[in-house]
Amino acid sequence: MEFEAPIKYTAQNPLFKELIADKMSRQYFMHHNGMTLSKIEAGYIEAQAPLNKNLLQQDGFVHGGVTSSIADIVTGFAAFSLVKNDDRVVTSDLKVSYFNPGKGDTIFARGWVIKAGSRLHYCESEIYVIKDEIYFMIAKGYSIMAVISGKNKSGSGAQ
């Protein structure tokens, strides 16, 4: 299934994809869970991870923490794609509404910025499971990302 960004933005930083790739190299939690970014556009991100038993709860469904984590990842990177080179974002607020239990082969999420402000970016996400190439929505996320001016770090080391 091919999704489109609901809102089209122009990035302030033409090197935003390179900065996101740099940040991805240090996203150890994402690596541990097998999450990868599959689409990177200004204000819009898609991510996915294979659903292995480590991402499931006791009844075999996607764990709620995994669902909220991938919602945070796609909205955080969507917000980050719109800030200036020296800025970064941190999660200020995250809400996830769970619609259905998720069983499938892959968890997939898409996140986008609905309003980019100078200090806060308001974002939305949709989280799906994929089984036999069928996408089934299991949750929707809403987040507020705070823009931290002049604090972007690149290269090795913790942030």
Protein backbone atom coordinates (compact mmCIF):
# COMPACT_ATOMS: atom_id res chain seq x y z
CA MET A 1 0.00 0.00 0.00
CA GLU A 2 1.32 3.41 -0.90
CA PHE A 3 0.57 6.34 1.39
CA GLU A 4 0.95 10.05 0.67
CA ALA A 5 1.84 12.78 3.12
CA PRO A 6 -1.40 14.52 4.15
CA ILE A 7 0.36 17.91 4.24
CA LYS A 8 3.27 18.98 2.04
CA TYR A 9 6.08 20.96 3.69
CA THR A 10 9.35 22.48 2.58
CA ALA A 11 12.21 21.69 4.94
CA GLN A 12 14.19 24.58 6.45
CA ASN A 13 17.29 22.44 6.24
CA PRO A 14 18.06 20.91 2.82
CA LEU A 15 20.25 18.28 4.55
CA PHE A 16 17.45 16.97 6.80
CA LYS A 17 17.64 13.45 5.35
CA GLU A 18 21.35 13.22 6.15
CA LEU A 19 20.74 14.47 9.70
CA ILE A 20 17.99 11.90 10.18
CA ALA A 21 20.31 9.14 8.90
CA ASP A 22 22.93 10.30 11.42
CA LYS A 23 20.38 10.22 14.26
CA MET A 24 19.16 6.80 13.10
CA SER A 25 22.65 5.38 13.49
CA ARG A 26 22.41 6.23 17.21
CA GLN A 27 18.82 5.13 17.81
CA TYR A 28 19.78 2.00 19.73
CA PHE A 29 16.24 1.28 20.91
CA MET A 30 15.03 1.23 17.29
CA HIS A 31 17.87 -1.09 16.25
CA HIS A 32 17.12 -3.42 19.16
CA ASN A 33 13.51 -3.73 17.97
CA GLY A 34 14.33 -3.99 14.26
CA MET A 35 12.66 -0.68 13.35
CA THR A 36 13.68 1.05 10.15
CA LEU A 37 12.52 4.21 8.42
CA SER A 38 11.03 3.33 5.05
CA LYS A 39 10.08 6.84 3.83
CA ILE A 40 11.57 10.20 4.76
CA GLU A 41 9.99 13.40 3.49
CA ALA A 42 9.77 16.91 4.91
CA GLY A 43 7.16 16.66 7.66
CA TYR A 44 6.35 12.99 6.94
CA ILE A 45 7.95 9.69 8.01
CA GLU A 46 7.12 6.01 7.65
CA ALA A 47 8.69 3.24 9.76
CA GLN A 48 8.28 -0.48 10.18
CA ALA A 49 9.57 -3.48 12.09
CA PRO A 50 9.15 -7.22 11.71
CA LEU A 51 6.88 -8.57 14.43
CA ASN A 52 8.90 -11.13 16.32
CA LYS A 53 7.92 -12.57 19.71
CA ASN A 54 9.93 -9.89 21.56
CA LEU A 55 7.43 -7.24 20.37
CA LEU A 56 4.31 -9.14 21.43
CA GLN A 57 2.38 -9.26 24.68
CA GLN A 58 1.22 -12.44 26.44
CA ASP A 59 -1.73 -13.09 24.08
CA GLY A 60 0.35 -12.73 20.90
CA PHE A 61 -0.72 -9.19 20.01
CA VAL A 62 1.59 -6.22 19.41
CA HIS A 63 2.58 -4.85 22.81
CA GLY A 64 1.09 -1.43 23.57
CA GLY A 65 4.54 -0.09 24.39
CA VAL A 66 5.77 -1.03 20.93
CA THR A 67 2.78 0.72 19.39
CA SER A 68 3.41 3.92 21.35
CA SER A 69 7.16 3.74 20.65
CA ILE A 70 6.74 3.57 16.89
CA ALA A 71 4.18 6.42 17.07
CA ASP A 72 6.76 8.50 18.95
CA ILE A 73 9.49 7.63 16.43
CA VAL A 74 7.56 8.60 13.30
CA THR A 75 6.16 11.83 14.74
CA GLY A 76 9.49 12.78 16.29
CA PHE A 77 11.39 12.35 13.04
CA ALA A 78 8.59 14.09 11.09
CA ALA A 79 8.96 17.10 13.40
CA PHE A 80 12.76 16.93 13.27
CA SER A 81 12.68 17.05 9.46
CA LEU A 82 11.26 20.58 9.64
CA VAL A 83 13.64 22.27 12.09
CA LYS A 84 16.79 24.24 11.37
CA ASN A 85 20.18 22.52 11.16
CA ASP A 86 21.19 23.37 14.74
CA ASP A 87 17.84 22.52 16.34
CA ARG A 88 16.40 19.27 17.61
CA VAL A 89 13.07 18.11 18.99
CA VAL A 90 11.97 16.21 22.07
CA THR A 91 8.62 14.68 22.89
CA SER A 92 6.54 17.03 25.01
CA ASP A 93 3.29 15.06 24.89
CA LEU A 94 2.24 11.70 23.44
CA LYS A 95 -1.23 10.16 23.33
CA VAL A 96 -2.07 6.89 21.66
CA SER A 97 -5.61 5.66 21.03
CA TYR A 98 -5.72 1.89 20.62
CA PHE A 99 -8.47 0.72 18.23
CA ASN A 100 -7.77 -2.97 17.70
CA PRO A 101 -5.38 -5.66 18.88
CA GLY A 102 -2.61 -6.22 16.35
CA LYS A 103 -1.52 -9.54 14.87
CA GLY A 104 0.57 -9.68 11.75
CA ASP A 105 4.02 -10.03 10.27
CA THR A 106 5.05 -6.36 10.43
CA ILE A 107 4.18 -3.25 12.38
CA PHE A 108 4.02 -0.14 10.20
CA ALA A 109 3.53 3.49 11.16
CA ARG A 110 3.29 6.79 9.38
CA GLY A 111 3.63 10.13 11.09
CA TRP A 112 3.27 13.73 9.98
CA VAL A 113 3.28 17.25 11.25
CA ILE A 114 -0.14 18.91 11.26
CA LYS A 115 1.12 22.29 12.53
CA ALA A 116 4.75 23.35 12.64
CA GLY A 117 5.39 26.20 15.05
CA SER A 118 8.53 27.97 16.14
CA ARG A 119 8.52 26.20 19.54
CA LEU A 120 6.04 23.32 19.20
CA HIS A 121 5.17 20.94 16.36
CA TYR A 122 1.80 19.20 16.54
CA CYS A 123 1.83 15.74 14.96
CA GLU A 124 -0.35 12.74 14.16
CA SER A 125 0.39 9.11 13.40
CA GLU A 126 -1.35 5.96 12.27
CA ILE A 127 -0.13 2.53 13.31
CA TYR A 128 -0.93 -0.64 11.35
CA VAL A 129 -0.09 -4.31 11.35
CA ILE A 130 0.57 -5.91 7.98
CA LYS A 131 -0.39 -9.51 7.24
CA ASP A 132 -0.45 -10.95 3.71
CA GLU A 133 0.04 -7.41 2.32
CA ILE A 134 -3.15 -6.20 4.06
CA TYR A 135 -2.80 -3.12 6.30
CA PHE A 136 -4.99 -3.12 9.41
CA MET A 137 -5.03 0.01 11.56
CA ILE A 138 -4.56 -0.74 15.25
CA ALA A 139 -3.96 2.74 16.69
CA LYS A 140 -3.68 6.46 16.10
CA GLY A 141 -1.19 8.72 17.86
CA TYR A 142 -1.09 12.41 18.64
CA SER A 143 2.03 14.16 19.82
CA ILE A 144 3.52 17.54 20.55
CA MET A 145 7.23 17.89 19.83
CA ALA A 146 9.12 20.73 21.48
CA VAL A 147 11.76 22.45 19.37
CA ILE A 148 15.05 22.87 21.23
CA SER A 149 17.02 25.67 19.58
CA GLY A 150 20.73 25.34 18.99
CA LYS A 151 21.05 21.94 20.66
CA ASN A 152 21.35 19.49 17.76
CA LYS A 153 24.17 17.02 18.23
CA SER A 154 25.63 14.89 15.50
CA GLY A 155 28.27 12.22 15.48
CA SER A 156 28.94 9.63 18.16
CA GLY A 157 27.81 9.90 21.75
CA ALA A 158 24.58 10.11 23.64
CA GLN A 159 21.99 12.83 23.22
